[in-house]
Amino acid sequence: MPEIVPSPVPKVPVWARPRGDVLRDVDAGYVARAALNSLDNLVRSAPAWGDVWRQRLALKSAASATRLLGRTEEESALRDAHLFRAAGDDSGPAGKVLLAWRRLASRSTTLDEELVRHIAELLDVKWDEALADVVRNAEDLASSPPPPPKSPPSFTGCGRMPNSWHFGWLMRCWRKNFVGPYPYPC
């Protein structure tokens, strides 16, 4: 049996820790960003448990997305429906949302038309020229330098499709959080 070597857990630098009550939004944002930076460094170090963590976050994201879609499935129901279905069985609408998130969490961060077509199919979004424009725009954004802080990504064309808000949300999360060699859901 191979020996399991624990990976070091990065700590928030001492200079970024609060020295008392945080009373202003700016200070709270600064401290939160320092903690997120430590978490980001941990994720980028590719720990042995990273794949499991990404799949767990995909499940949590799918549960949130199904609630936004007005469905009642919770994490346990999504997980059980996915794991206990027979090969080839339809996973249903909520299960397809979980499959979309799992697909996004298990791939590299390369955005390509094949991935987007598969995600659109899972979410019952019809592929057309407007969606192809969204993919081209996202590819341009992915290859460009990061936007300035508080500048939202623009996925033009999303507003003209049914279920487009959900698809645009997935694309925004991909752009915002799926950095490095492996993505992790927002």
Protein backbone atom coordinates (compact mmCIF):
# COMPACT_ATOMS: atom_id res chain seq x y z
CA MET A 1 0.00 0.00 0.00
CA PRO A 2 1.47 3.38 -0.95
CA GLU A 3 2.31 5.75 1.84
CA ILE A 4 0.05 8.78 2.12
CA VAL A 5 1.99 11.96 2.66
CA PRO A 6 -0.11 14.81 4.06
CA SER A 7 0.18 18.02 2.11
CA PRO A 8 0.94 21.22 4.00
CA VAL A 9 -2.03 23.49 4.47
CA PRO A 10 -1.25 27.08 3.49
CA LYS A 11 -2.00 29.63 6.13
CA VAL A 12 -3.25 33.17 5.79
CA PRO A 13 -0.24 35.46 6.22
CA VAL A 14 0.00 37.12 9.62
CA TRP A 15 -0.10 40.60 8.07
CA ALA A 16 -3.48 39.77 6.45
CA ARG A 17 -5.21 38.55 9.62
CA PRO A 18 -7.55 40.89 11.48
CA ARG A 19 -6.16 42.24 14.73
CA GLY A 20 -9.57 42.91 16.23
CA ASP A 21 -13.12 43.53 15.14
CA VAL A 22 -13.53 44.21 11.43
CA LEU A 23 -15.89 47.17 11.26
CA ARG A 24 -15.62 48.34 7.65
CA ASP A 25 -16.63 46.52 4.46
CA VAL A 26 -13.27 47.31 2.89
CA ASP A 27 -11.39 45.64 5.73
CA ALA A 28 -13.67 42.60 5.63
CA GLY A 29 -13.13 42.33 1.88
CA TYR A 30 -9.38 42.54 2.31
CA VAL A 31 -9.31 39.80 4.95
CA ALA A 32 -11.66 37.60 2.90
CA ARG A 33 -9.49 38.00 -0.20
CA ALA A 34 -6.38 37.01 1.74
CA ALA A 35 -8.15 33.86 2.96
CA LEU A 36 -9.36 33.08 -0.56
CA ASN A 37 -5.83 33.53 -1.86
CA SER A 38 -4.61 30.90 0.61
CA LEU A 39 -7.40 28.56 -0.50
CA ASP A 40 -6.55 29.21 -4.15
CA ASN A 41 -2.90 28.39 -3.50
CA LEU A 42 -3.96 25.14 -1.87
CA VAL A 43 -6.16 24.16 -4.82
CA ARG A 44 -3.44 25.02 -7.34
CA SER A 45 -1.00 22.74 -5.49
CA ALA A 46 -3.14 19.81 -6.80
CA PRO A 47 -3.63 17.92 -3.52
CA ALA A 48 -4.48 14.23 -3.67
CA TRP A 49 -8.03 14.94 -2.53
CA GLY A 50 -8.60 17.69 -5.12
CA ASP A 51 -10.72 15.59 -7.49
CA VAL A 52 -13.02 14.50 -4.67
CA TRP A 53 -13.34 18.10 -3.48
CA ARG A 54 -14.19 19.37 -6.97
CA GLN A 55 -16.88 16.70 -7.37
CA ARG A 56 -18.31 17.63 -3.97
CA LEU A 57 -18.42 21.29 -4.98
CA ALA A 58 -20.05 20.27 -8.27
CA LEU A 59 -22.77 18.49 -6.27
CA LYS A 60 -23.31 21.58 -4.09
CA SER A 61 -23.43 23.81 -7.19
CA ALA A 62 -25.92 21.50 -8.89
CA ALA A 63 -28.15 21.53 -5.81
CA SER A 64 -28.09 25.34 -5.82
CA ALA A 65 -28.84 25.43 -9.54
CA THR A 66 -31.79 23.05 -9.20
CA ARG A 67 -33.25 25.27 -6.48
CA LEU A 68 -32.89 28.25 -8.83
CA LEU A 69 -34.74 26.22 -11.46
CA GLY A 70 -37.61 25.76 -8.99
CA ARG A 71 -36.96 22.07 -8.31
CA THR A 72 -36.96 20.45 -4.89
CA GLU A 73 -34.07 17.98 -5.19
CA GLU A 74 -31.40 18.38 -2.55
CA GLU A 75 -27.81 17.15 -2.58
CA SER A 76 -28.58 13.68 -1.27
CA ALA A 77 -31.39 13.13 -3.79
CA LEU A 78 -29.18 14.32 -6.67
CA ARG A 79 -26.29 12.13 -5.57
CA ASP A 80 -28.43 9.03 -5.08
CA ALA A 81 -30.29 9.49 -8.36
CA HIS A 82 -26.97 9.80 -10.17
CA LEU A 83 -25.13 6.95 -8.46
CA PHE A 84 -27.97 4.42 -8.24
CA ARG A 85 -29.30 4.69 -11.79
CA ALA A 86 -28.65 1.92 -14.27
CA ALA A 87 -26.23 2.57 -17.12
CA GLY A 88 -28.04 4.37 -19.92
CA ASP A 89 -31.00 5.49 -17.79
CA ASP A 90 -32.17 9.07 -18.14
CA SER A 91 -31.07 11.11 -15.14
CA GLY A 92 -33.99 13.54 -15.37
CA PRO A 93 -33.84 17.35 -15.44
CA ALA A 94 -32.15 17.82 -12.06
CA GLY A 95 -29.76 14.93 -12.76
CA LYS A 96 -28.76 16.59 -16.02
CA VAL A 97 -27.82 19.74 -14.11
CA LEU A 98 -25.63 17.57 -11.85
CA LEU A 99 -24.06 15.90 -14.89
CA ALA A 100 -23.30 19.33 -16.37
CA TRP A 101 -21.55 20.48 -13.19
CA ARG A 102 -19.67 17.18 -12.87
CA ARG A 103 -18.51 17.49 -16.46
CA LEU A 104 -17.28 21.03 -15.85
CA ALA A 105 -15.52 20.02 -12.63
CA SER A 106 -13.73 17.03 -14.11
CA ARG A 107 -12.14 18.71 -17.13
CA SER A 108 -9.27 21.01 -17.69
CA THR A 109 -10.16 24.65 -18.08
CA THR A 110 -9.95 24.61 -21.84
CA LEU A 111 -13.18 25.97 -23.26
CA ASP A 112 -14.13 24.36 -26.54
CA GLU A 113 -17.26 24.00 -28.59
CA GLU A 114 -17.59 20.27 -27.83
CA LEU A 115 -17.81 20.91 -24.08
CA VAL A 116 -20.30 23.74 -24.48
CA ARG A 117 -22.44 21.70 -26.89
CA HIS A 118 -22.58 18.86 -24.36
CA ILE A 119 -23.48 21.21 -21.48
CA ALA A 120 -26.14 22.90 -23.64
CA GLU A 121 -27.60 19.48 -24.50
CA LEU A 122 -27.76 18.51 -20.83
CA LEU A 123 -29.55 21.77 -20.00
CA ASP A 124 -31.94 21.48 -22.98
CA VAL A 125 -30.57 24.65 -24.54
CA LYS A 126 -30.94 24.59 -28.32
CA TRP A 127 -27.64 25.08 -30.16
CA ASP A 128 -27.87 27.96 -32.63
CA GLU A 129 -25.81 30.84 -33.94
CA ALA A 130 -26.49 32.95 -30.81
CA LEU A 131 -24.99 30.24 -28.61
CA ALA A 132 -22.06 29.82 -30.99
CA ASP A 133 -21.48 33.59 -30.54
CA VAL A 134 -21.46 33.06 -26.76
CA VAL A 135 -18.77 30.40 -27.12
CA ARG A 136 -16.66 32.60 -29.38
CA ASN A 137 -17.02 35.52 -26.95
CA ALA A 138 -16.05 33.29 -24.01
CA GLU A 139 -13.02 31.99 -25.93
CA ASP A 140 -11.97 35.60 -26.58
CA LEU A 141 -12.41 36.45 -22.89
CA ALA A 142 -10.45 33.36 -21.83
CA SER A 143 -7.52 34.30 -24.04
CA SER A 144 -7.54 37.96 -23.02
CA PRO A 145 -5.97 39.42 -19.87
CA PRO A 146 -8.21 39.39 -16.79
CA PRO A 147 -10.77 42.17 -16.62
CA PRO A 148 -10.41 44.95 -14.06
CA PRO A 149 -11.99 44.26 -10.67
CA LYS A 150 -15.80 44.47 -10.53
CA SER A 151 -16.08 44.31 -14.32
CA PRO A 152 -18.61 41.56 -15.09
CA PRO A 153 -17.92 39.19 -17.98
CA SER A 154 -20.19 39.74 -20.95
CA PHE A 155 -21.61 36.71 -22.68
CA THR A 156 -23.60 38.34 -25.45
CA GLY A 157 -26.35 36.29 -26.95
CA CYS A 158 -27.37 34.59 -23.71
CA GLY A 159 -30.53 36.65 -23.35
CA ARG A 160 -32.07 35.33 -26.55
CA MET A 161 -32.30 31.67 -25.53
CA PRO A 162 -34.65 29.79 -23.20
CA ASN A 163 -32.84 28.73 -20.01
CA SER A 164 -30.14 31.21 -21.03
CA TRP A 165 -29.76 32.75 -17.57
CA HIS A 166 -28.73 29.36 -16.18
CA PHE A 167 -26.34 28.71 -19.05
CA GLY A 168 -24.85 32.20 -18.69
CA TRP A 169 -24.43 31.59 -14.95
CA LEU A 170 -22.49 28.39 -15.67
CA MET A 171 -20.30 30.21 -18.18
CA ARG A 172 -19.69 33.06 -15.72
CA CYS A 173 -18.64 30.60 -13.03
CA TRP A 174 -16.36 28.88 -15.50
CA ARG A 175 -14.66 32.17 -16.37
CA LYS A 176 -14.48 33.36 -12.78
CA ASN A 177 -13.34 30.25 -10.94
CA PHE A 178 -12.06 27.59 -13.28
CA VAL A 179 -8.46 28.72 -13.33
CA GLY A 180 -5.33 26.63 -13.27
CA PRO A 181 -4.98 23.12 -14.58
CA TYR A 182 -8.19 21.90 -12.90
CA PRO A 183 -11.49 23.72 -12.44
CA TYR A 184 -13.42 23.99 -9.23
CA PRO A 185 -17.08 25.09 -9.24
CA CYS A 186 -18.17 28.37 -7.79
